Amino acid sequence: KMDISKTIARVRNENYRLILEKRYLCFLSWEKIAVEMHYSIQHIYRMHDTALSCVAAIMRVNERD
């Protein structure tokens, strides 16, 4: 859980980081995240996809170091 937290903390976009925290650290449902952030669930899914791309880029950099 610490590794996940550290990786999420490196995501620069605040909204992306918040979605990742709510989903993977707080274990909230997609519906709850959408309501709390005042976005449609479809938009949350799109932002989550982009957030995961950011995480993948961070992980690639970590592998090189």
C-alpha atoms as a PDB file:
ATOM      1  CA  LYS A   1       0.000   0.000   0.000  1.00  0.00           C
ATOM      2  CA  MET A   2       2.931   2.335   0.666  1.00  0.00           C
ATOM      3  CA  ASP A   3       4.278   1.812  -2.851  1.00  0.00           C
ATOM      4  CA  ILE A   4       0.866   2.576  -4.326  1.00  0.00           C
ATOM      5  CA  SER A   5       0.580   5.693  -2.190  1.00  0.00           C
ATOM      6  CA  LYS A   6       4.042   6.920  -3.216  1.00  0.00           C
ATOM      7  CA  THR A   7       3.332   6.357  -6.895  1.00  0.00           C
ATOM      8  CA  ILE A   8      -0.039   8.117  -6.736  1.00  0.00           C
ATOM      9  CA  ALA A   9       1.580  11.062  -4.944  1.00  0.00           C
ATOM     10  CA  ARG A  10       3.835  11.572  -7.970  1.00  0.00           C
ATOM     11  CA  VAL A  11       0.875  12.137 -10.323  1.00  0.00           C
ATOM     12  CA  ARG A  12       0.925  15.874 -11.023  1.00  0.00           C
ATOM     13  CA  ASN A  13      -2.720  16.437 -11.957  1.00  0.00           C
ATOM     14  CA  GLU A  14      -4.697  16.934  -8.766  1.00  0.00           C
ATOM     15  CA  ASN A  15      -7.946  15.457 -10.132  1.00  0.00           C
ATOM     16  CA  TYR A  16      -6.191  12.356 -11.446  1.00  0.00           C
ATOM     17  CA  ARG A  17      -4.393  11.916  -8.148  1.00  0.00           C
ATOM     18  CA  LEU A  18      -7.644  12.305  -6.223  1.00  0.00           C
ATOM     19  CA  ILE A  19      -9.425   9.670  -8.334  1.00  0.00           C
ATOM     20  CA  LEU A  20      -6.573   7.219  -7.807  1.00  0.00           C
ATOM     21  CA  GLU A  21      -6.509   7.871  -4.059  1.00  0.00           C
ATOM     22  CA  LYS A  22     -10.268   7.473  -3.693  1.00  0.00           C
ATOM     23  CA  ARG A  23     -10.309   4.265  -5.722  1.00  0.00           C
ATOM     24  CA  TYR A  24      -7.124   2.461  -4.692  1.00  0.00           C
ATOM     25  CA  LEU A  25      -6.487   3.768  -1.171  1.00  0.00           C
ATOM     26  CA  CYS A  26     -10.020   4.470   0.084  1.00  0.00           C
ATOM     27  CA  PHE A  27     -11.687   1.730  -2.014  1.00  0.00           C
ATOM     28  CA  LEU A  28     -14.640   3.927  -3.030  1.00  0.00           C
ATOM     29  CA  SER A  29     -16.999   2.854  -5.801  1.00  0.00           C
ATOM     30  CA  TRP A  30     -16.947   4.646  -9.141  1.00  0.00           C
ATOM     31  CA  GLU A  31     -20.387   6.024  -8.386  1.00  0.00           C
ATOM     32  CA  LYS A  32     -19.289   7.467  -5.042  1.00  0.00           C
ATOM     33  CA  ILE A  33     -16.200   9.037  -6.601  1.00  0.00           C
ATOM     34  CA  ALA A  34     -18.329  10.632  -9.342  1.00  0.00           C
ATOM     35  CA  VAL A  35     -20.772  12.083  -6.808  1.00  0.00           C
ATOM     36  CA  GLU A  36     -18.032  13.399  -4.518  1.00  0.00           C
ATOM     37  CA  MET A  37     -16.152  15.025  -7.397  1.00  0.00           C
ATOM     38  CA  HIS A  38     -19.290  16.332  -9.147  1.00  0.00           C
ATOM     39  CA  TYR A  39     -18.525  14.595 -12.461  1.00  0.00           C
ATOM     40  CA  SER A  40     -20.455  12.069 -14.502  1.00  0.00           C
ATOM     41  CA  ILE A  41     -19.313   8.495 -14.079  1.00  0.00           C
ATOM     42  CA  GLN A  42     -18.295   8.422 -17.761  1.00  0.00           C
ATOM     43  CA  HIS A  43     -16.010  11.393 -17.194  1.00  0.00           C
ATOM     44  CA  ILE A  44     -14.526   9.704 -14.117  1.00  0.00           C
ATOM     45  CA  TYR A  45     -13.764   6.638 -16.266  1.00  0.00           C
ATOM     46  CA  ARG A  46     -12.046   8.818 -18.895  1.00  0.00           C
ATOM     47  CA  MET A  47     -10.011  10.667 -16.276  1.00  0.00           C
ATOM     48  CA  HIS A  48      -9.097   7.358 -14.619  1.00  0.00           C
ATOM     49  CA  ASP A  49      -7.784   6.009 -17.931  1.00  0.00           C
ATOM     50  CA  THR A  50      -5.589   9.084 -18.320  1.00  0.00           C
ATOM     51  CA  ALA A  51      -4.477   8.843 -14.689  1.00  0.00           C
ATOM     52  CA  LEU A  52      -3.405   5.232 -15.264  1.00  0.00           C
ATOM     53  CA  SER A  53      -1.360   6.379 -18.260  1.00  0.00           C
ATOM     54  CA  CYS A  54       0.411   8.841 -15.942  1.00  0.00           C
ATOM     55  CA  VAL A  55       1.074   6.056 -13.441  1.00  0.00           C
ATOM     56  CA  ALA A  56       2.465   3.838 -16.199  1.00  0.00           C
ATOM     57  CA  ALA A  57       4.848   6.611 -17.257  1.00  0.00           C
ATOM     58  CA  ILE A  58       5.980   7.090 -13.653  1.00  0.00           C
ATOM     59  CA  MET A  59       6.580   3.356 -13.296  1.00  0.00           C
ATOM     60  CA  ARG A  60       8.630   3.254 -16.524  1.00  0.00           C
ATOM     61  CA  VAL A  61      10.846   6.041 -15.174  1.00  0.00           C
ATOM     62  CA  ASN A  62      11.246   4.157 -11.882  1.00  0.00           C
ATOM     63  CA  GLU A  63      12.316   1.013 -13.743  1.00  0.00           C
ATOM     64  CA  ARG A  64      15.052   2.926 -15.585  1.00  0.00           C
ATOM     65  CA  ASP A  65      16.470   4.422 -12.377  1.00  0.00           C
END
